[in-house]
PDB file of N, CA and C in Angstrom:
ATOM      1  N   MET A   1       0.853  -1.177  -0.054  1.00  0.00           N
ATOM      2  CA  MET A   1      -0.017   0.004  -0.012  1.00  0.00           C
ATOM      3  C   MET A   1       0.904   1.269  -0.044  1.00  0.00           C
ATOM      4  N   PHE A   2       0.344   2.305  -0.611  1.00  0.00           N
ATOM      5  CA  PHE A   2       1.118   3.574  -0.686  1.00  0.00           C
ATOM      6  C   PHE A   2       0.878   4.427   0.518  1.00  0.00           C
ATOM      7  N   SER A   3       1.857   5.011   1.072  1.00  0.00           N
ATOM      8  CA  SER A   3       1.636   5.972   2.101  1.00  0.00           C
ATOM      9  C   SER A   3       1.116   7.268   1.578  1.00  0.00           C
ATOM     10  N   SER A   4       0.357   7.994   2.376  1.00  0.00           N
ATOM     11  CA  SER A   4      -0.235   9.207   1.848  1.00  0.00           C
ATOM     12  C   SER A   4       0.843  10.217   1.503  1.00  0.00           C
ATOM     13  N   ASN A   5       1.991  10.152   2.138  1.00  0.00           N
ATOM     14  CA  ASN A   5       3.033  11.141   1.805  1.00  0.00           C
ATOM     15  C   ASN A   5       3.560  10.959   0.438  1.00  0.00           C
ATOM     16  N   ILE A   6       3.773   9.705   0.014  1.00  0.00           N
ATOM     17  CA  ILE A   6       4.281   9.392  -1.352  1.00  0.00           C
ATOM     18  C   ILE A   6       3.167   9.739  -2.353  1.00  0.00           C
ATOM     19  N   THR A   7       1.943   9.539  -2.067  1.00  0.00           N
ATOM     20  CA  THR A   7       0.864   9.947  -2.959  1.00  0.00           C
ATOM     21  C   THR A   7       0.823  11.359  -3.124  1.00  0.00           C
ATOM     22  N   CYS A   8       1.005  12.145  -2.072  1.00  0.00           N
ATOM     23  CA  CYS A   8       0.976  13.596  -2.171  1.00  0.00           C
ATOM     24  C   CYS A   8       2.116  14.098  -3.014  1.00  0.00           C
ATOM     25  N   GLU A   9       3.353  13.568  -2.821  1.00  0.00           N
ATOM     26  CA  GLU A   9       4.456  13.973  -3.620  1.00  0.00           C
ATOM     27  C   GLU A   9       4.246  13.650  -5.063  1.00  0.00           C
ATOM     28  N   LEU A  10       3.664  12.511  -5.356  1.00  0.00           N
ATOM     29  CA  LEU A  10       3.426  12.032  -6.722  1.00  0.00           C
ATOM     30  C   LEU A  10       2.394  13.028  -7.413  1.00  0.00           C
ATOM     31  N   TRP A  11       1.420  13.396  -6.632  1.00  0.00           N
ATOM     32  CA  TRP A  11       0.318  14.334  -7.168  1.00  0.00           C
ATOM     33  C   TRP A  11       1.003  15.657  -7.551  1.00  0.00           C
ATOM     34  N   LEU A  12       1.874  16.135  -6.632  1.00  0.00           N
ATOM     35  CA  LEU A  12       2.500  17.464  -6.851  1.00  0.00           C
ATOM     36  C   LEU A  12       3.416  17.353  -8.084  1.00  0.00           C
ATOM     37  N   PHE A  13       4.098  16.224  -8.245  1.00  0.00           N
ATOM     38  CA  PHE A  13       4.914  16.008  -9.400  1.00  0.00           C
ATOM     39  C   PHE A  13       4.093  16.079 -10.719  1.00  0.00           C
ATOM     40  N   ILE A  14       2.989  15.349 -10.693  1.00  0.00           N
ATOM     41  CA  ILE A  14       2.105  15.336 -11.843  1.00  0.00           C
ATOM     42  C   ILE A  14       1.541  16.690 -12.173  1.00  0.00           C
ATOM     43  N   GLU A  15       1.187  17.464 -11.079  1.00  0.00           N
ATOM     44  CA  GLU A  15       0.636  18.779 -11.214  1.00  0.00           C
ATOM     45  C   GLU A  15       1.686  19.709 -11.847  1.00  0.00           C
ATOM     46  N   ASP A  16       2.993  19.531 -11.456  1.00  0.00           N
ATOM     47  CA  ASP A  16       3.989  20.397 -12.019  1.00  0.00           C
ATOM     48  C   ASP A  16       4.161  20.068 -13.499  1.00  0.00           C
ATOM     49  N   ILE A  17       4.197  18.815 -13.872  1.00  0.00           N
ATOM     50  CA  ILE A  17       4.234  18.464 -15.267  1.00  0.00           C
ATOM     51  C   ILE A  17       3.111  18.980 -16.081  1.00  0.00           C
ATOM     52  N   TRP A  18       1.867  18.996 -15.573  1.00  0.00           N
ATOM     53  CA  TRP A  18       0.716  19.505 -16.232  1.00  0.00           C
ATOM     54  C   TRP A  18       0.885  21.008 -16.434  1.00  0.00           C
ATOM     55  N   LYS A  19       1.320  21.702 -15.362  1.00  0.00           N
ATOM     56  CA  LYS A  19       1.500  23.144 -15.492  1.00  0.00           C
ATOM     57  C   LYS A  19       2.544  23.490 -16.539  1.00  0.00           C
ATOM     58  N   LEU A  20       3.669  22.763 -16.620  1.00  0.00           N
ATOM     59  CA  LEU A  20       4.748  22.981 -17.516  1.00  0.00           C
ATOM     60  C   LEU A  20       4.234  22.781 -18.985  1.00  0.00           C
ATOM     61  N   SER A  21       3.495  21.629 -19.197  1.00  0.00           N
ATOM     62  CA  SER A  21       3.041  21.342 -20.532  1.00  0.00           C
ATOM     63  C   SER A  21       1.996  22.394 -20.933  1.00  0.00           C
ATOM     64  N   PHE A  22       1.155  22.913 -19.950  1.00  0.00           N
ATOM     65  CA  PHE A  22       0.185  23.900 -20.293  1.00  0.00           C
ATOM     66  C   PHE A  22       0.858  25.191 -20.738  1.00  0.00           C
ATOM     67  N   VAL A  23       1.878  25.577 -19.919  1.00  0.00           N
ATOM     68  CA  VAL A  23       2.598  26.800 -20.255  1.00  0.00           C
ATOM     69  C   VAL A  23       3.259  26.684 -21.675  1.00  0.00           C
ATOM     70  N   LYS A  24       3.809  25.571 -21.965  1.00  0.00           N
ATOM     71  CA  LYS A  24       4.463  25.341 -23.224  1.00  0.00           C
ATOM     72  C   LYS A  24       3.502  25.428 -24.392  1.00  0.00           C
ATOM     73  N   ALA A  25       2.259  24.848 -24.148  1.00  0.00           N
ATOM     74  CA  ALA A  25       1.204  24.865 -25.131  1.00  0.00           C
ATOM     75  C   ALA A  25       0.753  26.397 -25.400  1.00  0.00           C
ATOM     76  N   MET A  26       0.665  27.137 -24.303  1.00  0.00           N
ATOM     77  CA  MET A  26       0.263  28.578 -24.458  1.00  0.00           C
ATOM     78  C   MET A  26       1.294  29.314 -25.267  1.00  0.00           C
ATOM     79  N   VAL A  27       2.584  29.080 -24.916  1.00  0.00           N
ATOM     80  CA  VAL A  27       3.590  29.777 -25.646  1.00  0.00           C
ATOM     81  C   VAL A  27       3.595  29.402 -27.148  1.00  0.00           C
ATOM     82  N   VAL A  28       3.417  28.083 -27.457  1.00  0.00           N
ATOM     83  CA  VAL A  28       3.363  27.664 -28.855  1.00  0.00           C
ATOM     84  C   VAL A  28       2.177  28.343 -29.538  1.00  0.00           C
ATOM     85  N   LEU A  29       1.054  28.454 -28.905  1.00  0.00           N
ATOM     86  CA  LEU A  29      -0.096  29.030 -29.475  1.00  0.00           C
ATOM     87  C   LEU A  29       0.120  30.522 -29.754  1.00  0.00           C
ATOM     88  N   LYS A  30       0.764  31.165 -28.777  1.00  0.00           N
ATOM     89  CA  LYS A  30       1.086  32.693 -28.997  1.00  0.00           C
ATOM     90  C   LYS A  30       2.066  32.852 -30.135  1.00  0.00           C
ATOM     91  N   LEU A  31       3.028  31.918 -30.274  1.00  0.00           N
ATOM     92  CA  LEU A  31       3.991  32.072 -31.395  1.00  0.00           C
ATOM     93  C   LEU A  31       3.349  31.809 -32.716  1.00  0.00           C
ATOM     94  N   TRP A  32       2.382  30.887 -32.731  1.00  0.00           N
ATOM     95  CA  TRP A  32       1.691  30.527 -34.029  1.00  0.00           C
ATOM     96  C   TRP A  32       0.699  31.673 -34.436  1.00  0.00           C
ATOM     97  N   TRP A  33      -0.012  32.301 -33.457  1.00  0.00           N
ATOM     98  CA  TRP A  33      -1.024  33.245 -33.854  1.00  0.00           C
ATOM     99  C   TRP A  33      -0.375  34.611 -34.134  1.00  0.00           C
TER     100      TRP A  33
END
């Protein structure tokens, strides 16, 4: 079983990846338009 601490860190890691990919997508869109 996973400890809540590991799950929390994993979620933060995933959230950071999502934010980075979102920012990259916005930059690409701004460059294209």
